[in-house]
Amino acid sequence: MARKAAIIGGGVIGGGWAARFLLNGWDVAVFDPDPQAERKIQEVLANARAALPALSDLPMMAEGVLTMADTLTDAVEGAEYIQESVSERLELKHRVFAQIQQSCPDTLIGSSTSGFKPSELQQNAANPAMIFVAHPFNPVYLLPLAEVVPSAVSDLDAIERAKDILREIGMFPLHVRKEIDAHVADRFLEAVWREALWLVKDGVATTEEIDEAIRMGFGLRWGQMGLFETYRVAGGEAGMKHFMAQFGPCLEWPWTKLTDVPEFTEELVDLIAGQSDAQSGQYSIRELERIRDSNLVGFLRALKDRDWGAGRVLREHDERRRVAVADTPPAGAPLVMAHMQVLPGWIDYNGHMTESRYLYASSETTDAFLRYIGADMDYVASGYSYYTAESHIMHRGEAKLGDRLTGTLQVLSADEKRLHVFVSIQKDGQEVASIEQMLLHVDMKAGRATAAPQAILDRLLPIANAHADLPRPKAVGRATGQRK
């Protein structure tokens, strides 16, 4: 039975939360009295469906069921987790929490608030210990950060459960140890925002020029290394201490106006709105969202390939979701080792799965088999591994965006040093590609083939013996270009 999350408030942030939970297999009930709420949710969900799968190297889980609840009580009934995303009005949030806790006093309630402290949210609540801040960043379905802020009366076991749930849906819960107005990240954003307002008001830069300064420069550094690590690098070989000694004195210089706020006049609002229209008015909001999502996917995938920053969160989320092969005795049939889905980044200009991704699918299948026989990452860390010495791929069909694929593996032969396998990539039971591979067991430090240890052979050889009686695939041993 699917787990259920309730989202109270279906705007941009609430819709993002709904998409994040739904696409990670949770059923979601949304309550929002706005008659346009369902349309808005569906539009955000459509963008999420197009973007989020591109971050994973596994098939998406079966999507949960979305329900637009008629009442708040209907929405929260049976929910394991509740996320409040209503307007930033404290009295409104208090009314929402009171109504939730009339029927669900012991259910986790995270608030998307960007400014209020948890102790403010908890005032006069029936069970304040279950209310906490879970502040995300837009788009919630792509960006992993959620600032989790408890108060002194919070149930810390409940906070840990909430953090586990956030990890399960691919987020990075940042536990803020002390409650403070605007938490951590928004305090930085507020400082940058105030300075930007002055730069526009004083005619130093336009909205577009300020955005260019961010996205062409320090924004790229911050996106993968943050603030302090960036400055540590800026200190050169001498590191952070040298940087602080070199640039610390400038903190006393009158560079910024952070303690002085420009008067928020209609003239300033019109100036900024006009410049923003000139900068981006040629795009609709949905178009800008899709451009943003495409850029974020590319950036996040690059970080994922390098196992760095937010990309590490994506890798860890894939590992938690990776289908484990049951530890059962080998049967006399090719082993089903991998389930995959053709993602947006897998297709070429023809709309078909590109050649390199067939080899990737084969690698996923073979890697799963190696983990099955004990040659996993811990084994690799010990200095030994199986290396592919030769591959022969044959294309037999076509796979397109969204197709679900299955990778099966048949052991053709095996001994102490060699592993000869046949991988079949299938769609709807039909083979779209086959890959014949020869692998060698290698001592990585010595740089040569060596006998595998008995523990691995004890798992590998019984499978090889069981597969010895299987029909030999017709494609085995075929030369390139050989006629049928």
Protein backbone atom coordinates (compact mmCIF):
# COMPACT_ATOMS: atom_id res chain seq x y z
CA MET A 1 0.00 0.00 0.00
CA ALA A 2 1.35 3.40 -1.00
CA ARG A 3 2.30 5.87 1.68
CA LYS A 4 0.36 9.11 1.82
CA ALA A 5 1.45 12.72 2.10
CA ALA A 6 -0.88 15.68 2.51
CA ILE A 7 -0.07 19.07 1.02
CA ILE A 8 -1.94 22.05 2.41
CA GLY A 9 -1.67 24.91 -0.06
CA GLY A 10 -1.29 24.19 -3.76
CA GLY A 11 0.68 27.17 -5.06
CA VAL A 12 4.15 27.09 -6.59
CA ILE A 13 5.77 25.56 -3.50
CA GLY A 14 2.90 23.27 -2.56
CA GLY A 15 2.68 22.06 -6.14
CA GLY A 16 6.40 21.34 -6.13
CA TRP A 17 6.07 19.32 -2.93
CA ALA A 18 3.15 17.38 -4.42
CA ALA A 19 5.21 16.55 -7.52
CA ARG A 20 8.23 15.51 -5.44
CA PHE A 21 6.16 13.05 -3.38
CA LEU A 22 4.04 11.76 -6.30
CA LEU A 23 7.00 11.01 -8.55
CA ASN A 24 8.65 9.12 -5.71
CA GLY A 25 5.69 6.78 -5.36
CA TRP A 26 3.65 8.44 -2.60
CA ASP A 27 -0.06 9.06 -2.82
CA VAL A 28 -0.74 12.77 -2.32
CA ALA A 29 -3.81 14.63 -1.18
CA VAL A 30 -3.84 18.39 -1.77
CA PHE A 31 -6.16 20.88 -0.14
CA ASP A 32 -6.41 24.41 -1.51
CA PRO A 33 -9.70 26.35 -1.73
CA ASP A 34 -8.48 28.19 -4.85
CA PRO A 35 -10.75 27.02 -7.74
CA GLN A 36 -7.68 27.11 -10.01
CA ALA A 37 -5.59 24.95 -7.67
CA GLU A 38 -5.95 21.70 -9.62
CA ARG A 39 -5.00 23.36 -12.91
CA LYS A 40 -1.92 24.91 -11.31
CA ILE A 41 -0.92 21.63 -9.67
CA GLN A 42 -1.26 19.75 -12.96
CA GLU A 43 0.90 22.32 -14.77
CA VAL A 44 3.65 22.06 -12.16
CA LEU A 45 3.35 18.27 -12.24
CA ALA A 46 3.70 18.25 -16.04
CA ASN A 47 6.96 20.18 -15.76
CA ALA A 48 8.17 17.84 -13.02
CA ARG A 49 7.39 14.75 -15.10
CA ALA A 50 9.49 16.18 -17.91
CA ALA A 51 12.45 17.14 -15.69
CA LEU A 52 12.84 14.93 -12.60
CA PRO A 53 13.30 11.57 -14.43
CA ALA A 54 16.35 13.03 -16.19
CA LEU A 55 18.19 13.18 -12.85
CA SER A 56 17.92 9.46 -12.15
CA ASP A 57 19.72 6.51 -13.68
CA LEU A 58 16.89 4.22 -12.61
CA PRO A 59 13.30 3.96 -13.78
CA MET A 60 10.98 6.26 -11.89
CA MET A 61 8.84 4.56 -9.32
CA ALA A 62 5.18 3.99 -10.19
CA GLU A 63 3.64 7.42 -9.73
CA GLY A 64 1.38 7.86 -6.74
CA VAL A 65 -2.25 8.91 -6.91
CA LEU A 66 -3.10 12.62 -6.70
CA THR A 67 -6.32 13.61 -4.92
CA MET A 68 -7.70 17.11 -4.67
CA ALA A 69 -9.40 16.98 -1.29
CA ASP A 70 -12.63 18.87 -0.63
CA THR A 71 -11.66 19.66 2.95
CA LEU A 72 -8.47 19.98 4.92
CA THR A 73 -9.62 17.13 7.18
CA ASP A 74 -10.09 14.84 4.17
CA ALA A 75 -6.62 15.72 2.93
CA VAL A 76 -4.77 14.85 6.14
CA GLU A 77 -6.72 11.72 7.04
CA GLY A 78 -4.34 8.74 6.93
CA ALA A 79 -1.34 10.86 5.98
CA GLU A 80 2.10 9.85 7.23
CA TYR A 81 3.53 13.29 6.50
CA ILE A 82 1.88 16.71 6.12
CA GLN A 83 3.48 19.72 4.45
CA GLU A 84 1.94 23.15 5.02
CA SER A 85 2.57 25.63 2.19
CA VAL A 86 -0.02 28.37 2.71
CA SER A 87 0.62 32.12 2.54
CA GLU A 88 3.19 33.67 4.88
CA ARG A 89 0.64 34.89 7.44
CA LEU A 90 1.21 33.57 10.92
CA GLU A 91 -2.44 33.69 11.96
CA LEU A 92 -3.40 31.66 8.87
CA LYS A 93 -0.76 29.05 9.62
CA HIS A 94 -1.99 28.81 13.23
CA ARG A 95 -5.54 28.14 12.00
CA VAL A 96 -4.27 25.47 9.60
CA PHE A 97 -2.22 23.71 12.30
CA ALA A 98 -5.14 23.81 14.75
CA GLN A 99 -7.46 22.23 12.21
CA ILE A 100 -4.91 19.57 11.25
CA GLN A 101 -4.25 18.59 14.85
CA GLN A 102 -7.94 18.22 15.65
CA SER A 103 -7.81 14.97 13.69
CA CYS A 104 -4.07 14.21 13.37
CA PRO A 105 -2.35 15.42 16.55
CA ASP A 106 0.60 13.04 16.26
CA THR A 107 1.37 13.37 12.54
CA LEU A 108 4.52 15.10 11.28
CA ILE A 109 3.77 18.63 10.05
CA GLY A 110 6.47 20.42 8.10
CA SER A 111 6.03 24.09 7.20
CA SER A 112 7.42 25.60 4.01
CA THR A 113 7.77 28.97 5.73
CA SER A 114 10.74 31.00 4.58
CA GLY A 115 10.76 33.34 7.55
CA PHE A 116 8.88 32.23 10.66
CA LYS A 117 10.66 30.36 13.43
CA PRO A 118 9.25 27.00 14.56
CA SER A 119 8.53 28.36 18.04
CA GLU A 120 6.28 30.97 16.40
CA LEU A 121 4.51 28.30 14.36
CA GLN A 122 3.98 26.12 17.44
CA GLN A 123 2.22 28.79 19.54
CA ASN A 124 -1.03 27.47 21.08
CA ALA A 125 -0.81 24.22 19.08
CA ALA A 126 -2.41 21.08 20.47
CA ASN A 127 0.86 19.18 19.94
CA PRO A 128 3.65 21.69 19.23
CA ALA A 129 6.30 18.94 19.27
CA MET A 130 5.13 17.67 15.85
CA ILE A 131 5.34 21.05 14.05
CA PHE A 132 8.66 22.08 12.51
CA VAL A 133 10.09 24.03 9.58
CA ALA A 134 10.85 22.14 6.36
CA HIS A 135 11.78 25.02 4.06
CA PRO A 136 12.44 23.99 0.42
CA PHE A 137 13.69 25.86 -2.63
CA ASN A 138 11.92 26.31 -5.92
CA PRO A 139 11.56 24.12 -7.92
CA VAL A 140 10.96 21.73 -5.05
CA TYR A 141 10.85 18.72 -7.38
CA LEU A 142 14.43 19.35 -8.59
CA LEU A 143 16.41 21.16 -5.88
CA PRO A 144 17.28 18.84 -3.00
CA LEU A 145 17.72 21.31 -0.13
CA ALA A 146 15.15 21.42 2.68
CA GLU A 147 16.05 23.41 5.80
CA VAL A 148 14.72 21.39 8.73
CA VAL A 149 14.39 23.62 11.79
CA PRO A 150 13.12 22.35 15.16
CA SER A 151 12.53 24.36 18.31
CA ALA A 152 13.35 23.60 21.94
CA VAL A 153 10.02 21.77 22.34
CA SER A 154 10.28 19.70 19.17
CA ASP A 155 10.23 15.90 19.34
CA LEU A 156 13.72 15.06 18.10
CA ASP A 157 12.73 11.50 17.20
CA ALA A 158 9.98 12.98 15.03
CA ILE A 159 12.51 15.33 13.43
CA GLU A 160 14.73 12.35 12.55
CA ARG A 161 11.72 10.56 11.01
CA ALA A 162 10.97 13.65 8.97
CA LYS A 163 14.57 13.84 7.75
CA ASP A 164 14.41 10.16 6.74
CA ILE A 165 11.24 10.81 4.73
CA LEU A 166 12.85 13.77 2.99
CA ARG A 167 15.86 11.63 2.06
CA GLU A 168 13.52 8.92 0.74
CA ILE A 169 12.06 11.40 -1.76
CA GLY A 170 15.53 12.50 -2.87
CA MET A 171 15.99 15.63 -0.76
CA PHE A 172 18.85 16.86 1.40
CA PRO A 173 17.59 17.78 4.88
CA LEU A 174 19.84 20.46 6.38
CA HIS A 175 19.29 20.34 10.14
CA VAL A 176 19.44 23.93 11.42
CA ARG A 177 20.51 23.62 15.04
CA LYS A 178 19.29 27.04 16.23
CA GLU A 179 16.05 28.63 15.16
CA ILE A 180 16.49 32.08 13.66
CA ASP A 181 14.39 34.38 11.48
CA ALA A 182 14.64 33.32 7.80
CA HIS A 183 16.71 30.24 8.78
CA VAL A 184 20.07 30.02 6.94
CA ALA A 185 19.84 30.20 3.16
CA ASP A 186 17.28 32.97 2.90
CA ARG A 187 19.41 35.21 5.08
CA PHE A 188 22.04 35.10 2.33
CA LEU A 189 19.43 35.69 -0.35
CA GLU A 190 17.98 38.62 1.56
CA ALA A 191 21.43 40.24 1.84
CA VAL A 192 22.07 39.83 -1.90
CA TRP A 193 18.54 41.04 -2.72
CA ARG A 194 18.94 44.23 -0.66
CA GLU A 195 22.26 45.04 -2.28
CA ALA A 196 20.77 44.39 -5.73
CA LEU A 197 17.93 46.81 -5.04
CA TRP A 198 20.45 49.55 -4.26
CA LEU A 199 22.47 48.81 -7.41
CA VAL A 200 19.32 49.21 -9.54
CA LYS A 201 18.04 52.27 -7.65
CA ASP A 202 21.40 54.02 -7.87
CA GLY A 203 21.65 53.30 -11.61
CA VAL A 204 24.78 51.18 -11.24
CA ALA A 205 23.33 48.11 -12.96
CA THR A 206 20.09 46.88 -14.48
CA THR A 207 18.24 43.75 -13.38
CA GLU A 208 19.68 41.90 -16.38
CA GLU A 209 23.25 43.00 -15.67
CA ILE A 210 22.99 41.88 -12.06
CA ASP A 211 21.66 38.49 -13.14
CA GLU A 212 24.52 38.18 -15.64
CA ALA A 213 27.05 38.91 -12.89
CA ILE A 214 25.62 36.04 -10.87
CA ARG A 215 25.13 33.41 -13.55
CA MET A 216 28.36 34.16 -15.42
CA GLY A 217 30.52 34.28 -12.32
CA PHE A 218 30.13 33.44 -8.67
CA GLY A 219 26.79 31.68 -9.12
CA LEU A 220 28.57 28.88 -10.96
CA ARG A 221 31.11 28.60 -8.15
CA TRP A 222 28.50 28.67 -5.41
CA GLY A 223 26.39 26.06 -7.17
CA GLN A 224 29.04 23.38 -6.80
CA MET A 225 31.28 24.52 -3.95
CA GLY A 226 29.36 26.94 -1.75
CA LEU A 227 30.82 30.01 -0.06
CA PHE A 228 33.55 28.94 2.35
CA GLU A 229 34.99 26.19 0.16
CA THR A 230 35.13 28.68 -2.74
CA TYR A 231 37.05 31.16 -0.60
CA ARG A 232 39.35 28.42 0.67
CA VAL A 233 40.34 27.73 -2.93
CA ALA A 234 40.75 31.47 -3.49
CA GLY A 235 43.42 31.45 -0.79
CA GLY A 236 45.64 29.31 -3.02
CA GLU A 237 48.03 26.78 -1.53
CA ALA A 238 48.02 28.66 1.78
CA GLY A 239 44.29 27.97 2.09
CA MET A 240 41.59 29.66 4.11
CA LYS A 241 43.86 31.35 6.63
CA HIS A 242 45.67 33.18 3.86
CA PHE A 243 42.39 34.20 2.25
CA MET A 244 41.08 35.61 5.53
CA ALA A 245 44.29 37.54 6.14
CA GLN A 246 44.26 38.93 2.61
CA PHE A 247 40.61 39.85 2.24
CA GLY A 248 39.38 40.13 5.83
CA PRO A 249 40.25 43.85 6.19
CA CYS A 250 37.90 44.75 3.33
CA LEU A 251 34.98 43.84 5.58
CA GLU A 252 35.51 47.21 7.22
CA TRP A 253 35.36 49.06 3.91
CA PRO A 254 32.08 50.79 2.96
CA TRP A 255 31.36 48.46 0.05
CA THR A 256 27.79 47.45 0.83
CA LYS A 257 24.59 49.01 2.11
CA LEU A 258 23.33 45.92 3.89
CA THR A 259 22.37 47.90 6.99
CA ASP A 260 20.59 50.53 4.93
CA VAL A 261 17.40 49.58 3.06
CA PRO A 262 16.12 51.63 0.08
CA GLU A 263 12.63 53.03 0.52
CA PHE A 264 10.24 50.65 -1.17
CA THR A 265 8.47 53.27 -3.30
CA GLU A 266 6.21 52.80 -6.31
CA GLU A 267 8.94 54.38 -8.42
CA LEU A 268 11.46 51.72 -7.35
CA VAL A 269 8.93 48.94 -7.93
CA ASP A 270 8.09 50.31 -11.40
CA LEU A 271 11.79 50.66 -12.27
CA ILE A 272 12.60 47.07 -11.36
CA ALA A 273 9.42 45.63 -12.86
CA GLY A 274 10.04 47.49 -16.12
CA GLN A 275 13.62 46.28 -16.38
CA SER A 276 12.53 42.74 -15.58
CA ASP A 277 9.86 42.88 -18.31
CA ALA A 278 12.46 44.05 -20.81
CA GLN A 279 14.79 41.28 -19.69
CA SER A 280 12.40 38.31 -19.66
CA GLY A 281 8.97 39.42 -20.84
CA GLN A 282 9.25 37.53 -24.12
CA TYR A 283 8.79 34.25 -22.22
CA SER A 284 5.74 33.01 -20.36
CA ILE A 285 6.24 31.87 -16.77
CA ARG A 286 5.79 28.21 -17.80
CA GLU A 287 8.40 28.66 -20.56
CA LEU A 288 10.82 30.17 -18.05
CA GLU A 289 10.17 27.25 -15.70
CA ARG A 290 10.96 24.74 -18.43
CA ILE A 291 14.14 26.62 -19.42
CA ARG A 292 15.13 26.72 -15.73
CA ASP A 293 14.41 23.01 -15.30
CA SER A 294 16.42 22.05 -18.37
CA ASN A 295 19.39 24.09 -17.18
CA LEU A 296 19.16 22.66 -13.66
CA VAL A 297 18.99 19.09 -14.97
CA GLY A 298 22.15 19.67 -17.02
CA PHE A 299 23.96 21.25 -14.09
CA LEU A 300 22.83 18.61 -11.60
CA ARG A 301 23.69 15.76 -13.98
CA ALA A 302 27.19 17.19 -14.37
CA LEU A 303 27.55 17.25 -10.58
CA LYS A 304 26.13 13.73 -10.39
CA ASP A 305 28.67 12.43 -12.91
CA ARG A 306 31.40 13.85 -10.64
CA ASP A 307 29.77 12.67 -7.38
CA TRP A 308 29.96 16.22 -6.05
CA GLY A 309 27.65 18.55 -4.12
CA ALA A 310 23.96 18.12 -4.93
CA GLY A 311 24.95 15.43 -7.44
CA ARG A 312 25.99 13.18 -4.56
CA VAL A 313 22.46 13.46 -3.15
CA LEU A 314 21.11 12.23 -6.51
CA ARG A 315 23.52 9.30 -6.55
CA GLU A 316 22.61 8.30 -2.99
CA HIS A 317 18.91 8.53 -3.86
CA ASP A 318 19.46 6.18 -6.81
CA GLU A 319 21.35 3.74 -4.60
CA ARG A 320 18.49 3.66 -2.08
CA ARG A 321 16.07 2.93 -4.90
CA ARG A 322 18.21 0.46 -6.80
CA VAL A 323 16.46 -2.85 -7.16
CA ALA A 324 18.33 -5.47 -5.17
CA VAL A 325 18.58 -8.93 -6.67
CA ALA A 326 17.08 -11.54 -4.40
CA ASP A 327 19.68 -13.75 -2.79
CA THR A 328 18.28 -17.02 -4.12
CA PRO A 329 19.99 -20.05 -5.67
CA PRO A 330 20.57 -19.56 -9.41
CA ALA A 331 17.87 -20.96 -11.65
CA GLY A 332 18.39 -22.51 -15.04
CA ALA A 333 17.49 -19.32 -16.87
CA PRO A 334 19.17 -15.99 -17.64
CA LEU A 335 19.11 -13.80 -14.56
CA VAL A 336 17.05 -10.61 -14.53
CA MET A 337 19.59 -8.14 -13.20
CA ALA A 338 18.39 -4.61 -14.04
CA HIS A 339 15.26 -2.57 -14.68
CA MET A 340 15.75 0.72 -16.49
CA GLN A 341 13.82 3.46 -18.25
CA VAL A 342 14.81 5.49 -21.30
CA LEU A 343 15.35 9.00 -19.93
CA PRO A 344 15.46 12.35 -21.80
CA GLY A 345 19.26 12.35 -21.74
CA TRP A 346 19.35 8.91 -23.36
CA ILE A 347 17.82 9.83 -26.71
CA ASP A 348 19.44 11.22 -29.87
CA TYR A 349 18.25 13.62 -32.55
CA ASN A 350 16.07 10.83 -34.04
CA GLY A 351 14.18 10.40 -30.79
CA HIS A 352 15.68 6.94 -30.26
CA MET A 353 17.90 5.65 -27.49
CA THR A 354 21.46 6.59 -28.43
CA GLU A 355 24.15 3.94 -28.95
CA SER A 356 26.20 4.76 -25.87
CA ARG A 357 23.19 4.17 -23.66
CA TYR A 358 22.86 0.56 -24.83
CA LEU A 359 26.36 0.01 -23.52
CA TYR A 360 25.36 1.85 -20.35
CA ALA A 361 22.34 -0.46 -19.99
CA SER A 362 24.65 -3.43 -20.44
CA SER A 363 27.02 -2.03 -17.82
CA GLU A 364 24.14 -1.59 -15.35
CA THR A 365 23.16 -5.22 -15.94
CA THR A 366 26.69 -6.58 -15.59
CA ASP A 367 27.45 -4.40 -12.56
CA ALA A 368 24.35 -5.73 -10.83
CA PHE A 369 25.56 -9.28 -11.50
CA LEU A 370 29.02 -8.46 -10.14
CA ARG A 371 27.43 -7.10 -6.97
CA TYR A 372 25.39 -10.29 -6.78
CA ILE A 373 28.51 -12.48 -6.76
CA GLY A 374 30.29 -10.24 -4.24
CA ALA A 375 32.41 -8.04 -6.52
CA ASP A 376 30.77 -4.86 -5.24
CA MET A 377 32.23 -1.43 -4.44
CA ASP A 378 33.68 -2.63 -1.16
CA TYR A 379 35.45 -5.36 -3.10
CA VAL A 380 36.76 -2.80 -5.61
CA ALA A 381 38.02 -0.70 -2.70
CA SER A 382 40.10 -3.70 -1.62
CA GLY A 383 42.05 -3.44 -4.88
CA TYR A 384 40.38 -6.04 -7.11
CA SER A 385 37.75 -5.84 -9.82
CA TYR A 386 36.43 -7.33 -13.03
CA TYR A 387 37.52 -5.36 -16.13
CA THR A 388 35.76 -5.58 -19.49
CA ALA A 389 38.26 -6.85 -22.04
CA GLU A 390 35.95 -7.08 -25.06
CA SER A 391 32.36 -6.19 -26.00
CA HIS A 392 30.25 -6.92 -29.06
CA ILE A 393 26.89 -5.17 -29.35
CA MET A 394 24.08 -5.99 -31.78
CA HIS A 395 21.08 -3.71 -32.25
CA ARG A 396 17.85 -5.60 -32.88
CA GLY A 397 15.14 -3.03 -32.24
CA GLU A 398 14.45 0.50 -31.09
CA ALA A 399 13.85 2.03 -27.70
CA LYS A 400 12.30 5.47 -27.29
CA LEU A 401 11.77 8.01 -24.52
CA GLY A 402 9.94 6.53 -21.54
CA ASP A 403 10.32 2.88 -22.60
CA ARG A 404 10.99 0.51 -19.71
CA LEU A 405 13.85 -1.90 -20.29
CA THR A 406 14.96 -5.11 -18.62
CA GLY A 407 18.54 -6.37 -18.57
CA THR A 408 19.13 -10.12 -18.33
CA LEU A 409 22.47 -11.91 -18.07
CA GLN A 410 23.53 -15.42 -19.06
CA VAL A 411 26.92 -16.76 -18.02
CA LEU A 412 28.46 -18.43 -21.07
CA SER A 413 31.59 -19.59 -19.26
CA ALA A 414 33.67 -18.76 -16.22
CA ASP A 415 36.92 -19.78 -14.58
CA GLU A 416 39.26 -18.31 -11.99
CA LYS A 417 40.27 -15.34 -14.15
CA ARG A 418 37.68 -15.01 -16.92
CA LEU A 419 33.97 -14.29 -17.09
CA HIS A 420 32.17 -14.61 -20.44
CA VAL A 421 28.59 -13.26 -20.39
CA PHE A 422 25.71 -12.50 -22.73
CA VAL A 423 23.50 -9.53 -21.85
CA SER A 424 20.07 -9.07 -23.38
CA ILE A 425 18.33 -5.67 -23.22
CA GLN A 426 14.60 -6.18 -23.65
CA LYS A 427 11.50 -4.06 -24.10
CA ASP A 428 8.12 -5.70 -23.52
CA GLY A 429 9.82 -9.09 -23.66
CA GLN A 430 11.44 -8.40 -27.04
CA GLU A 431 15.20 -8.01 -27.39
CA VAL A 432 16.27 -4.56 -28.60
CA ALA A 433 20.01 -5.18 -28.17
CA SER A 434 22.42 -7.88 -27.10
CA ILE A 435 25.94 -7.44 -25.76
CA GLU A 436 28.51 -10.22 -25.52
CA GLN A 437 31.30 -9.45 -23.06
CA MET A 438 34.54 -10.98 -21.85
CA LEU A 439 35.67 -9.78 -18.43
CA LEU A 440 38.95 -10.42 -16.63
CA HIS A 441 39.46 -10.51 -12.88
CA VAL A 442 42.21 -7.95 -12.20
CA ASP A 443 44.58 -7.05 -9.39
CA MET A 444 44.35 -3.27 -9.90
CA LYS A 445 47.56 -2.48 -8.02
CA ALA A 446 49.61 -4.99 -10.00
CA GLY A 447 47.79 -4.13 -13.24
CA ARG A 448 47.32 -7.75 -14.32
CA ALA A 449 44.76 -10.52 -14.38
CA THR A 450 44.68 -12.73 -11.31
CA ALA A 451 42.54 -15.51 -9.89
CA ALA A 452 39.35 -14.45 -8.14
CA PRO A 453 39.06 -15.41 -4.47
CA GLN A 454 37.17 -18.53 -3.50
CA ALA A 455 34.28 -16.53 -1.97
CA ILE A 456 33.44 -15.05 -5.36
CA LEU A 457 34.00 -18.31 -7.23
CA ASP A 458 31.66 -20.08 -4.81
CA ARG A 459 28.87 -17.77 -6.03
CA LEU A 460 29.93 -17.50 -9.67
CA LEU A 461 30.66 -21.09 -10.66
CA PRO A 462 27.30 -22.59 -9.60
CA ILE A 463 25.59 -20.01 -11.82
CA ALA A 464 27.92 -20.87 -14.70
CA ASN A 465 27.12 -24.56 -14.22
CA ALA A 466 23.39 -23.88 -14.12
CA HIS A 467 23.61 -21.78 -17.29
CA ALA A 468 25.73 -24.36 -19.13
CA ASP A 469 22.57 -26.27 -20.09
CA LEU A 470 20.82 -23.22 -21.50
CA PRO A 471 20.55 -22.78 -25.28
CA ARG A 472 23.48 -20.79 -26.58
CA PRO A 473 22.25 -17.43 -27.95
CA LYS A 474 22.57 -17.27 -31.74
CA ALA A 475 24.41 -13.96 -31.55
CA VAL A 476 27.29 -15.41 -29.49
CA GLY A 477 30.57 -15.35 -31.40
CA ARG A 478 29.21 -13.49 -34.40
CA ALA A 479 31.67 -11.29 -36.25
CA THR A 480 30.85 -7.70 -37.13
CA GLY A 481 28.92 -7.65 -40.40
CA GLN A 482 28.52 -11.45 -40.46
CA ARG A 483 25.40 -12.51 -42.34
CA LYS A 484 22.66 -14.38 -40.54
